[in-house]
């Protein structure tokens, strides 16, 4: 349980970081958030926040869509985040949740003429999916929200009802995670993570126009695959049936990290275990995120 939060422009005890039941964002889902991870490097006795600036840049983009004004610069938000982590004193893997939201109290659906609020809290956090080395997935009957209805490229709190519906549907059927299709039936992403296929040694992933979140971990995987292993990524439409004939499939995202998918809709993926490309990308990703690879140390912000 965290001890502190950044709330109302200052650090307060977590029990004082409260909103009213009349808050606009609580009633209408008019908030934007980020998920940021910090990784503990035991050799250096250091906590590294991974790609923090990129996350806050994306938060600004989400806020622009929702007409939310953030009072702090990206640099200031990074400083506040590190200050919060130091106050908590965490020395283990941590998940950071900044939220910008419509803070006015009252009834009425809109984005204009409302006060804006902002808060950050952080919790210790391990795996999002317990079976990261071999998750079982199923295609959900719920379709991904469309950009012209509720833009998935923004991390909008209300949109995650779409994720909750798809996740619960497949988990209650005995699977670990959902795969969600677009309105026209192409692969979009997982319930709350991006998806990659491997076919003939090439990475394939849905393009941004497939109503995906433009993931920072997704971008990281594409870069290290190309730079470190010479593996190119093709961004294109993916048919549902391609999931069944892929050599490998894996999810990636800040929460899920890099998680192999070994079964989809009751069909084994490849030979039914984590594949070689996913395995080496996953291993390198964790080395980089923990600040152990000098070439990518600029992605890691030290806290202490």
C-alpha atoms as a PDB file:
ATOM      1  CA  UNK A   1       0.000   0.000   0.000  1.00  0.00           C
ATOM      2  CA  UNK A   2       1.495   3.387  -0.960  1.00  0.00           C
ATOM      3  CA  UNK A   3       1.989   6.020   1.734  1.00  0.00           C
ATOM      4  CA  UNK A   4       1.806   9.145  -0.428  1.00  0.00           C
ATOM      5  CA  UNK A   5       0.242  10.637  -3.551  1.00  0.00           C
ATOM      6  CA  UNK A   6       0.734  13.790  -5.552  1.00  0.00           C
ATOM      7  CA  UNK A   7      -2.705  15.377  -5.408  1.00  0.00           C
ATOM      8  CA  UNK A   8      -3.973  18.933  -5.673  1.00  0.00           C
ATOM      9  CA  UNK A   9      -0.508  20.244  -6.509  1.00  0.00           C
ATOM     10  CA  UNK A  10       1.306  18.788  -3.500  1.00  0.00           C
ATOM     11  CA  UNK A  11       2.343  15.563  -1.820  1.00  0.00           C
ATOM     12  CA  UNK A  12      -0.230  14.279   0.661  1.00  0.00           C
ATOM     13  CA  UNK A  13      -0.763  11.074   2.653  1.00  0.00           C
ATOM     14  CA  UNK A  14      -2.512   8.572   0.389  1.00  0.00           C
ATOM     15  CA  UNK A  15      -5.608   8.549   2.618  1.00  0.00           C
ATOM     16  CA  UNK A  16      -6.077  12.272   1.934  1.00  0.00           C
ATOM     17  CA  UNK A  17      -6.002  11.882  -1.859  1.00  0.00           C
ATOM     18  CA  UNK A  18      -9.772  11.712  -2.312  1.00  0.00           C
ATOM     19  CA  UNK A  19     -12.298  12.912  -4.873  1.00  0.00           C
ATOM     20  CA  UNK A  20     -16.039  13.533  -4.457  1.00  0.00           C
ATOM     21  CA  UNK A  21     -18.636  11.094  -5.748  1.00  0.00           C
ATOM     22  CA  UNK A  22     -19.854  14.069  -7.808  1.00  0.00           C
ATOM     23  CA  UNK A  23     -16.536  14.382  -9.685  1.00  0.00           C
ATOM     24  CA  UNK A  24     -17.113  14.560 -13.439  1.00  0.00           C
ATOM     25  CA  UNK A  25     -14.446  11.948 -14.267  1.00  0.00           C
ATOM     26  CA  UNK A  26     -15.965   9.481 -11.790  1.00  0.00           C
ATOM     27  CA  UNK A  27     -19.405   9.846 -13.355  1.00  0.00           C
ATOM     28  CA  UNK A  28     -18.466  10.063 -17.052  1.00  0.00           C
ATOM     29  CA  UNK A  29     -15.007   8.514 -17.501  1.00  0.00           C
ATOM     30  CA  UNK A  30     -13.478  11.862 -18.536  1.00  0.00           C
ATOM     31  CA  UNK A  31      -9.909  11.191 -17.507  1.00  0.00           C
ATOM     32  CA  UNK A  32      -6.617  10.220 -19.119  1.00  0.00           C
ATOM     33  CA  UNK A  33      -3.898   8.159 -17.504  1.00  0.00           C
ATOM     34  CA  UNK A  34      -0.536   6.528 -18.004  1.00  0.00           C
ATOM     35  CA  UNK A  35       1.086   3.381 -16.728  1.00  0.00           C
ATOM     36  CA  UNK A  36       4.817   3.743 -16.104  1.00  0.00           C
ATOM     37  CA  UNK A  37       7.141   1.107 -14.705  1.00  0.00           C
ATOM     38  CA  UNK A  38      10.214   1.518 -12.553  1.00  0.00           C
ATOM     39  CA  UNK A  39      12.613  -1.421 -12.217  1.00  0.00           C
ATOM     40  CA  UNK A  40      14.918  -2.180  -9.315  1.00  0.00           C
ATOM     41  CA  UNK A  41      18.549  -2.918 -10.252  1.00  0.00           C
ATOM     42  CA  UNK A  42      19.927  -4.840  -7.308  1.00  0.00           C
ATOM     43  CA  UNK A  43      23.546  -4.682  -8.482  1.00  0.00           C
ATOM     44  CA  UNK A  44      23.496  -0.878  -8.618  1.00  0.00           C
ATOM     45  CA  UNK A  45      20.980  -0.527  -5.750  1.00  0.00           C
ATOM     46  CA  UNK A  46      19.066   1.805  -8.013  1.00  0.00           C
ATOM     47  CA  UNK A  47      15.454   2.206  -9.147  1.00  0.00           C
ATOM     48  CA  UNK A  48      15.179   3.075 -12.844  1.00  0.00           C
ATOM     49  CA  UNK A  49      12.005   4.585 -14.336  1.00  0.00           C
ATOM     50  CA  UNK A  50      11.677   3.271 -17.890  1.00  0.00           C
ATOM     51  CA  UNK A  51      11.014   5.709 -20.752  1.00  0.00           C
ATOM     52  CA  UNK A  52       9.293   8.162 -18.425  1.00  0.00           C
ATOM     53  CA  UNK A  53       9.474  11.171 -20.734  1.00  0.00           C
ATOM     54  CA  UNK A  54       7.808   9.244 -23.567  1.00  0.00           C
ATOM     55  CA  UNK A  55       4.969   8.258 -21.251  1.00  0.00           C
ATOM     56  CA  UNK A  56       4.352  11.829 -20.190  1.00  0.00           C
ATOM     57  CA  UNK A  57       4.485  13.029 -23.793  1.00  0.00           C
ATOM     58  CA  UNK A  58       1.732  10.511 -24.554  1.00  0.00           C
ATOM     59  CA  UNK A  59      -0.264  11.711 -21.544  1.00  0.00           C
ATOM     60  CA  UNK A  60      -0.137  15.211 -23.023  1.00  0.00           C
ATOM     61  CA  UNK A  61      -1.508  13.844 -26.309  1.00  0.00           C
ATOM     62  CA  UNK A  62      -4.356  12.079 -24.485  1.00  0.00           C
ATOM     63  CA  UNK A  63      -5.133  15.281 -22.597  1.00  0.00           C
ATOM     64  CA  UNK A  64      -5.235  17.259 -25.834  1.00  0.00           C
ATOM     65  CA  UNK A  65      -7.935  14.929 -27.147  1.00  0.00           C
ATOM     66  CA  UNK A  66      -9.941  15.298 -23.920  1.00  0.00           C
ATOM     67  CA  UNK A  67      -9.383  19.072 -23.645  1.00  0.00           C
ATOM     68  CA  UNK A  68      -7.583  18.656 -20.332  1.00  0.00           C
ATOM     69  CA  UNK A  69      -4.910  21.200 -19.445  1.00  0.00           C
ATOM     70  CA  UNK A  70      -1.824  20.018 -17.575  1.00  0.00           C
ATOM     71  CA  UNK A  71      -0.109  22.734 -15.562  1.00  0.00           C
ATOM     72  CA  UNK A  72       3.319  21.061 -15.489  1.00  0.00           C
ATOM     73  CA  UNK A  73       5.852  20.443 -18.253  1.00  0.00           C
ATOM     74  CA  UNK A  74       7.009  16.923 -19.078  1.00  0.00           C
ATOM     75  CA  UNK A  75      10.275  17.648 -17.264  1.00  0.00           C
ATOM     76  CA  UNK A  76       8.435  18.826 -14.159  1.00  0.00           C
ATOM     77  CA  UNK A  77       6.188  15.749 -14.190  1.00  0.00           C
ATOM     78  CA  UNK A  78       9.299  13.566 -14.311  1.00  0.00           C
ATOM     79  CA  UNK A  79      10.759  15.431 -11.336  1.00  0.00           C
ATOM     80  CA  UNK A  80       7.525  15.059  -9.346  1.00  0.00           C
ATOM     81  CA  UNK A  81       7.440  11.338 -10.124  1.00  0.00           C
ATOM     82  CA  UNK A  82      10.985  10.790  -8.897  1.00  0.00           C
ATOM     83  CA  UNK A  83      10.241  12.832  -5.765  1.00  0.00           C
ATOM     84  CA  UNK A  84       7.201  10.651  -5.070  1.00  0.00           C
ATOM     85  CA  UNK A  85       9.218   7.444  -5.494  1.00  0.00           C
ATOM     86  CA  UNK A  86      11.915   8.756  -3.165  1.00  0.00           C
ATOM     87  CA  UNK A  87       9.279   9.616  -0.543  1.00  0.00           C
ATOM     88  CA  UNK A  88       7.944   6.066  -0.827  1.00  0.00           C
ATOM     89  CA  UNK A  89      11.460   4.641  -0.633  1.00  0.00           C
ATOM     90  CA  UNK A  90      10.673   1.762  -2.979  1.00  0.00           C
ATOM     91  CA  UNK A  91      13.468  -0.720  -3.629  1.00  0.00           C
ATOM     92  CA  UNK A  92      11.541  -3.145  -5.814  1.00  0.00           C
ATOM     93  CA  UNK A  93       9.703  -3.087  -9.127  1.00  0.00           C
ATOM     94  CA  UNK A  94       7.060  -0.369  -9.113  1.00  0.00           C
ATOM     95  CA  UNK A  95       4.095   0.754 -11.199  1.00  0.00           C
ATOM     96  CA  UNK A  96       3.349   4.485 -11.451  1.00  0.00           C
ATOM     97  CA  UNK A  97      -0.116   5.788 -12.276  1.00  0.00           C
ATOM     98  CA  UNK A  98      -0.550   9.466 -13.254  1.00  0.00           C
ATOM     99  CA  UNK A  99      -4.152  10.525 -13.921  1.00  0.00           C
ATOM    100  CA  UNK A 100      -5.402  13.788 -15.451  1.00  0.00           C
ATOM    101  CA  UNK A 101      -9.145  14.250 -15.147  1.00  0.00           C
ATOM    102  CA  UNK A 102     -12.141  16.528 -15.250  1.00  0.00           C
ATOM    103  CA  UNK A 103     -12.433  17.544 -11.614  1.00  0.00           C
ATOM    104  CA  UNK A 104     -15.601  19.666 -11.555  1.00  0.00           C
ATOM    105  CA  UNK A 105     -18.444  18.358  -9.423  1.00  0.00           C
ATOM    106  CA  UNK A 106     -21.836  18.220 -11.085  1.00  0.00           C
ATOM    107  CA  UNK A 107     -24.037  16.673 -13.714  1.00  0.00           C
ATOM    108  CA  UNK A 108     -23.699  17.162 -17.479  1.00  0.00           C
ATOM    109  CA  UNK A 109     -21.849  15.343 -20.249  1.00  0.00           C
ATOM    110  CA  UNK A 110     -19.238  17.585 -21.884  1.00  0.00           C
ATOM    111  CA  UNK A 111     -15.528  18.400 -21.968  1.00  0.00           C
ATOM    112  CA  UNK A 112     -15.702  22.205 -21.972  1.00  0.00           C
ATOM    113  CA  UNK A 113     -16.095  24.626 -19.046  1.00  0.00           C
ATOM    114  CA  UNK A 114     -14.821  22.134 -16.488  1.00  0.00           C
ATOM    115  CA  UNK A 115     -11.967  22.246 -13.986  1.00  0.00           C
ATOM    116  CA  UNK A 116      -9.017  19.917 -14.537  1.00  0.00           C
ATOM    117  CA  UNK A 117      -7.289  17.827 -11.874  1.00  0.00           C
ATOM    118  CA  UNK A 118      -4.112  15.760 -11.744  1.00  0.00           C
ATOM    119  CA  UNK A 119      -2.673  13.128  -9.423  1.00  0.00           C
ATOM    120  CA  UNK A 120       0.046  10.479  -9.257  1.00  0.00           C
ATOM    121  CA  UNK A 121       0.396   7.408  -7.088  1.00  0.00           C
ATOM    122  CA  UNK A 122       2.802   4.472  -7.226  1.00  0.00           C
ATOM    123  CA  UNK A 123       2.570   0.882  -6.011  1.00  0.00           C
ATOM    124  CA  UNK A 124       4.946  -2.043  -5.939  1.00  0.00           C
ATOM    125  CA  UNK A 125       4.004  -4.316  -8.795  1.00  0.00           C
ATOM    126  CA  UNK A 126       5.179  -7.563 -10.315  1.00  0.00           C
ATOM    127  CA  UNK A 127       3.521  -9.479 -13.127  1.00  0.00           C
ATOM    128  CA  UNK A 128       0.305  -8.368 -14.810  1.00  0.00           C
ATOM    129  CA  UNK A 129      -0.130 -11.815 -16.411  1.00  0.00           C
ATOM    130  CA  UNK A 130       0.994 -14.638 -14.164  1.00  0.00           C
ATOM    131  CA  UNK A 131       1.878 -16.839 -17.160  1.00  0.00           C
ATOM    132  CA  UNK A 132       4.204 -14.428 -19.005  1.00  0.00           C
ATOM    133  CA  UNK A 133       6.166 -17.326 -20.482  1.00  0.00           C
ATOM    134  CA  UNK A 134       3.064 -19.078 -21.822  1.00  0.00           C
ATOM    135  CA  UNK A 135      -0.335 -17.392 -21.765  1.00  0.00           C
ATOM    136  CA  UNK A 136      -3.487 -18.853 -23.259  1.00  0.00           C
ATOM    137  CA  UNK A 137      -5.568 -16.323 -25.212  1.00  0.00           C
ATOM    138  CA  UNK A 138      -8.945 -16.224 -26.911  1.00  0.00           C
ATOM    139  CA  UNK A 139     -10.545 -13.850 -29.399  1.00  0.00           C
ATOM    140  CA  UNK A 140     -13.229 -11.827 -27.655  1.00  0.00           C
ATOM    141  CA  UNK A 141     -16.684 -11.257 -29.109  1.00  0.00           C
ATOM    142  CA  UNK A 142     -16.365  -7.601 -28.037  1.00  0.00           C
ATOM    143  CA  UNK A 143     -14.905  -5.373 -30.773  1.00  0.00           C
ATOM    144  CA  UNK A 144     -12.327  -2.648 -30.210  1.00  0.00           C
ATOM    145  CA  UNK A 145     -13.635   0.906 -29.927  1.00  0.00           C
ATOM    146  CA  UNK A 146     -13.266   2.949 -33.116  1.00  0.00           C
ATOM    147  CA  UNK A 147     -11.302   6.192 -33.422  1.00  0.00           C
ATOM    148  CA  UNK A 148     -14.402   8.085 -34.520  1.00  0.00           C
ATOM    149  CA  UNK A 149     -16.329   6.853 -31.486  1.00  0.00           C
ATOM    150  CA  UNK A 150     -13.808   6.761 -28.625  1.00  0.00           C
ATOM    151  CA  UNK A 151     -10.172   7.118 -29.786  1.00  0.00           C
ATOM    152  CA  UNK A 152      -8.073   4.197 -28.573  1.00  0.00           C
ATOM    153  CA  UNK A 153      -4.824   6.076 -29.206  1.00  0.00           C
ATOM    154  CA  UNK A 154      -5.678   8.081 -26.075  1.00  0.00           C
ATOM    155  CA  UNK A 155      -5.523   6.332 -22.696  1.00  0.00           C
ATOM    156  CA  UNK A 156      -8.987   7.493 -21.646  1.00  0.00           C
ATOM    157  CA  UNK A 157     -10.336   6.046 -18.417  1.00  0.00           C
ATOM    158  CA  UNK A 158     -13.848   5.477 -19.760  1.00  0.00           C
ATOM    159  CA  UNK A 159     -12.605   3.520 -22.778  1.00  0.00           C
ATOM    160  CA  UNK A 160     -11.231   0.793 -20.539  1.00  0.00           C
ATOM    161  CA  UNK A 161     -14.740  -0.542 -20.016  1.00  0.00           C
ATOM    162  CA  UNK A 162     -14.166  -2.001 -23.492  1.00  0.00           C
ATOM    163  CA  UNK A 163     -11.034  -3.714 -22.154  1.00  0.00           C
ATOM    164  CA  UNK A 164     -12.800  -4.949 -19.022  1.00  0.00           C
ATOM    165  CA  UNK A 165     -15.634  -6.530 -21.011  1.00  0.00           C
ATOM    166  CA  UNK A 166     -13.265  -8.429 -23.290  1.00  0.00           C
ATOM    167  CA  UNK A 167     -10.913  -9.506 -20.499  1.00  0.00           C
ATOM    168  CA  UNK A 168     -13.640 -10.842 -18.214  1.00  0.00           C
ATOM    169  CA  UNK A 169     -15.355 -12.650 -21.086  1.00  0.00           C
ATOM    170  CA  UNK A 170     -12.299 -14.791 -21.880  1.00  0.00           C
ATOM    171  CA  UNK A 171     -11.035 -15.230 -18.317  1.00  0.00           C
ATOM    172  CA  UNK A 172     -14.412 -16.624 -17.288  1.00  0.00           C
ATOM    173  CA  UNK A 173     -14.025 -19.078 -20.177  1.00  0.00           C
ATOM    174  CA  UNK A 174     -10.713 -20.269 -18.711  1.00  0.00           C
ATOM    175  CA  UNK A 175      -8.206 -18.197 -20.713  1.00  0.00           C
ATOM    176  CA  UNK A 176      -5.562 -15.746 -19.497  1.00  0.00           C
ATOM    177  CA  UNK A 177      -6.031 -12.844 -21.891  1.00  0.00           C
ATOM    178  CA  UNK A 178      -8.243 -11.544 -24.690  1.00  0.00           C
ATOM    179  CA  UNK A 179      -7.452 -10.650 -28.274  1.00  0.00           C
ATOM    180  CA  UNK A 180      -9.774  -7.981 -29.635  1.00  0.00           C
ATOM    181  CA  UNK A 181     -10.743  -7.383 -33.265  1.00  0.00           C
ATOM    182  CA  UNK A 182     -11.587  -4.132 -35.020  1.00  0.00           C
ATOM    183  CA  UNK A 183     -15.108  -3.376 -36.210  1.00  0.00           C
ATOM    184  CA  UNK A 184     -14.226  -4.864 -39.629  1.00  0.00           C
ATOM    185  CA  UNK A 185     -12.816  -8.044 -38.105  1.00  0.00           C
ATOM    186  CA  UNK A 186      -9.048  -7.503 -38.190  1.00  0.00           C
ATOM    187  CA  UNK A 187      -6.748  -8.018 -35.211  1.00  0.00           C
ATOM    188  CA  UNK A 188      -6.366  -4.887 -33.089  1.00  0.00           C
ATOM    189  CA  UNK A 189      -4.636  -5.758 -29.785  1.00  0.00           C
ATOM    190  CA  UNK A 190      -5.077  -7.515 -26.473  1.00  0.00           C
ATOM    191  CA  UNK A 191      -7.469  -6.220 -23.837  1.00  0.00           C
ATOM    192  CA  UNK A 192      -4.806  -3.797 -22.610  1.00  0.00           C
ATOM    193  CA  UNK A 193      -1.633  -4.548 -24.558  1.00  0.00           C
ATOM    194  CA  UNK A 194      -0.252  -4.594 -28.087  1.00  0.00           C
ATOM    195  CA  UNK A 195       0.232  -7.825 -30.008  1.00  0.00           C
ATOM    196  CA  UNK A 196       2.970  -9.171 -32.304  1.00  0.00           C
ATOM    197  CA  UNK A 197       3.035 -12.201 -34.579  1.00  0.00           C
ATOM    198  CA  UNK A 198       6.135 -13.890 -35.935  1.00  0.00           C
ATOM    199  CA  UNK A 199       5.938 -15.401 -39.408  1.00  0.00           C
ATOM    200  CA  UNK A 200       9.034 -16.587 -41.300  1.00  0.00           C
ATOM    201  CA  UNK A 201      11.336 -14.637 -39.005  1.00  0.00           C
ATOM    202  CA  UNK A 202       9.531 -11.311 -39.431  1.00  0.00           C
ATOM    203  CA  UNK A 203       7.575  -9.429 -36.775  1.00  0.00           C
ATOM    204  CA  UNK A 204       4.047  -8.436 -37.806  1.00  0.00           C
ATOM    205  CA  UNK A 205       1.890  -6.073 -35.756  1.00  0.00           C
ATOM    206  CA  UNK A 206      -1.315  -4.115 -36.396  1.00  0.00           C
ATOM    207  CA  UNK A 207      -0.781  -0.585 -37.705  1.00  0.00           C
ATOM    208  CA  UNK A 208      -1.920   2.468 -35.708  1.00  0.00           C
ATOM    209  CA  UNK A 209      -5.034   2.809 -37.891  1.00  0.00           C
ATOM    210  CA  UNK A 210      -6.293  -0.500 -36.458  1.00  0.00           C
ATOM    211  CA  UNK A 211      -7.464   1.361 -33.319  1.00  0.00           C
ATOM    212  CA  UNK A 212      -4.482   0.353 -31.222  1.00  0.00           C
ATOM    213  CA  UNK A 213      -2.800   2.270 -28.457  1.00  0.00           C
ATOM    214  CA  UNK A 214       0.502   3.492 -29.884  1.00  0.00           C
ATOM    215  CA  UNK A 215       2.447   1.619 -27.256  1.00  0.00           C
ATOM    216  CA  UNK A 216       5.804   2.697 -25.882  1.00  0.00           C
ATOM    217  CA  UNK A 217       6.777  -0.913 -25.201  1.00  0.00           C
ATOM    218  CA  UNK A 218       5.628  -1.711 -28.759  1.00  0.00           C
ATOM    219  CA  UNK A 219       7.976   0.970 -30.071  1.00  0.00           C
ATOM    220  CA  UNK A 220      10.773  -0.365 -27.860  1.00  0.00           C
ATOM    221  CA  UNK A 221      10.359  -3.922 -29.137  1.00  0.00           C
ATOM    222  CA  UNK A 222      10.400  -2.781 -32.760  1.00  0.00           C
ATOM    223  CA  UNK A 223      13.589  -0.795 -32.195  1.00  0.00           C
ATOM    224  CA  UNK A 224      15.573  -3.422 -30.323  1.00  0.00           C
ATOM    225  CA  UNK A 225      14.418  -6.159 -32.725  1.00  0.00           C
ATOM    226  CA  UNK A 226      15.821  -4.161 -35.643  1.00  0.00           C
ATOM    227  CA  UNK A 227      18.952  -2.771 -33.982  1.00  0.00           C
ATOM    228  CA  UNK A 228      20.073  -5.806 -31.985  1.00  0.00           C
ATOM    229  CA  UNK A 229      18.805  -8.786 -33.987  1.00  0.00           C
ATOM    230  CA  UNK A 230      18.234  -7.451 -37.512  1.00  0.00           C
ATOM    231  CA  UNK A 231      14.545  -8.391 -37.315  1.00  0.00           C
ATOM    232  CA  UNK A 232      12.236  -6.070 -39.213  1.00  0.00           C
ATOM    233  CA  UNK A 233       8.645  -5.296 -38.265  1.00  0.00           C
ATOM    234  CA  UNK A 234       5.787  -5.041 -40.744  1.00  0.00           C
ATOM    235  CA  UNK A 235       2.801  -2.934 -39.634  1.00  0.00           C
ATOM    236  CA  UNK A 236      -0.336  -4.052 -41.469  1.00  0.00           C
ATOM    237  CA  UNK A 237      -3.805  -5.520 -41.192  1.00  0.00           C
ATOM    238  CA  UNK A 238      -3.854  -8.994 -39.674  1.00  0.00           C
ATOM    239  CA  UNK A 239      -6.637 -11.491 -40.307  1.00  0.00           C
ATOM    240  CA  UNK A 240      -7.954 -13.530 -37.405  1.00  0.00           C
ATOM    241  CA  UNK A 241      -6.891 -16.772 -39.065  1.00  0.00           C
ATOM    242  CA  UNK A 242      -3.277 -15.575 -39.153  1.00  0.00           C
ATOM    243  CA  UNK A 243      -3.242 -15.921 -35.378  1.00  0.00           C
ATOM    244  CA  UNK A 244      -3.713 -19.668 -35.810  1.00  0.00           C
ATOM    245  CA  UNK A 245      -0.841 -20.176 -38.263  1.00  0.00           C
ATOM    246  CA  UNK A 246       1.741 -17.828 -36.750  1.00  0.00           C
ATOM    247  CA  UNK A 247       5.089 -19.241 -35.672  1.00  0.00           C
ATOM    248  CA  UNK A 248       4.967 -17.124 -32.507  1.00  0.00           C
ATOM    249  CA  UNK A 249       2.590 -14.637 -30.884  1.00  0.00           C
ATOM    250  CA  UNK A 250       3.302 -12.360 -27.957  1.00  0.00           C
ATOM    251  CA  UNK A 251       1.792  -9.423 -26.103  1.00  0.00           C
ATOM    252  CA  UNK A 252       3.717  -6.374 -24.999  1.00  0.00           C
ATOM    253  CA  UNK A 253       2.950  -3.309 -22.912  1.00  0.00           C
ATOM    254  CA  UNK A 254       4.075  -1.502 -19.785  1.00  0.00           C
ATOM    255  CA  UNK A 255       1.802  -3.619 -17.603  1.00  0.00           C
ATOM    256  CA  UNK A 256       2.121  -6.974 -19.334  1.00  0.00           C
ATOM    257  CA  UNK A 257       5.802  -6.367 -20.243  1.00  0.00           C
ATOM    258  CA  UNK A 258       6.568  -9.075 -22.847  1.00  0.00           C
ATOM    259  CA  UNK A 259       4.362 -12.151 -22.570  1.00  0.00           C
ATOM    260  CA  UNK A 260       4.401 -15.169 -24.865  1.00  0.00           C
ATOM    261  CA  UNK A 261       1.098 -16.562 -26.138  1.00  0.00           C
ATOM    262  CA  UNK A 262       1.212 -20.329 -26.532  1.00  0.00           C
ATOM    263  CA  UNK A 263      -2.447 -21.028 -27.352  1.00  0.00           C
ATOM    264  CA  UNK A 264      -5.225 -19.101 -29.107  1.00  0.00           C
ATOM    265  CA  UNK A 265      -8.826 -20.314 -29.238  1.00  0.00           C
ATOM    266  CA  UNK A 266      -7.750 -23.806 -28.243  1.00  0.00           C
ATOM    267  CA  UNK A 267      -5.073 -24.009 -30.970  1.00  0.00           C
ATOM    268  CA  UNK A 268      -1.369 -24.220 -30.055  1.00  0.00           C
ATOM    269  CA  UNK A 269       0.817 -21.391 -31.310  1.00  0.00           C
ATOM    270  CA  UNK A 270       3.877 -22.868 -33.022  1.00  0.00           C
ATOM    271  CA  UNK A 271       5.060 -25.779 -30.913  1.00  0.00           C
ATOM    272  CA  UNK A 272       3.000 -24.658 -27.938  1.00  0.00           C
ATOM    273  CA  UNK A 273       5.750 -22.974 -25.927  1.00  0.00           C
ATOM    274  CA  UNK A 274       7.553 -19.647 -25.871  1.00  0.00           C
ATOM    275  CA  UNK A 275       9.317 -19.087 -29.198  1.00  0.00           C
ATOM    276  CA  UNK A 276      12.977 -18.166 -29.764  1.00  0.00           C
ATOM    277  CA  UNK A 277      12.329 -14.626 -31.032  1.00  0.00           C
ATOM    278  CA  UNK A 278       9.989 -13.754 -28.180  1.00  0.00           C
ATOM    279  CA  UNK A 279      12.413 -15.254 -25.682  1.00  0.00           C
ATOM    280  CA  UNK A 280      15.417 -13.204 -26.795  1.00  0.00           C
ATOM    281  CA  UNK A 281      13.405  -9.989 -27.122  1.00  0.00           C
ATOM    282  CA  UNK A 282      11.911 -10.536 -23.680  1.00  0.00           C
ATOM    283  CA  UNK A 283      15.289 -11.230 -22.067  1.00  0.00           C
ATOM    284  CA  UNK A 284      16.884  -8.160 -23.640  1.00  0.00           C
ATOM    285  CA  UNK A 285      13.899  -5.980 -22.761  1.00  0.00           C
ATOM    286  CA  UNK A 286      14.290  -6.731 -19.063  1.00  0.00           C
ATOM    287  CA  UNK A 287      18.035  -6.138 -19.183  1.00  0.00           C
ATOM    288  CA  UNK A 288      17.450  -2.750 -20.821  1.00  0.00           C
ATOM    289  CA  UNK A 289      14.599  -1.730 -18.499  1.00  0.00           C
ATOM    290  CA  UNK A 290      16.727  -2.475 -15.436  1.00  0.00           C
ATOM    291  CA  UNK A 291      19.472  -0.179 -16.713  1.00  0.00           C
ATOM    292  CA  UNK A 292      21.922  -2.983 -17.471  1.00  0.00           C
ATOM    293  CA  UNK A 293      22.597  -2.133 -21.138  1.00  0.00           C
ATOM    294  CA  UNK A 294      24.719   0.997 -21.590  1.00  0.00           C
ATOM    295  CA  UNK A 295      23.497   1.633 -25.149  1.00  0.00           C
ATOM    296  CA  UNK A 296      19.956   2.160 -23.868  1.00  0.00           C
ATOM    297  CA  UNK A 297      20.723   3.677 -20.454  1.00  0.00           C
ATOM    298  CA  UNK A 298      19.247   6.991 -21.654  1.00  0.00           C
ATOM    299  CA  UNK A 299      15.816   5.341 -21.502  1.00  0.00           C
ATOM    300  CA  UNK A 300      16.243   4.771 -17.755  1.00  0.00           C
ATOM    301  CA  UNK A 301      15.855   7.584 -15.218  1.00  0.00           C
ATOM    302  CA  UNK A 302      17.561   6.888 -11.877  1.00  0.00           C
ATOM    303  CA  UNK A 303      15.490   7.728  -8.810  1.00  0.00           C
ATOM    304  CA  UNK A 304      18.141   7.654  -6.080  1.00  0.00           C
END
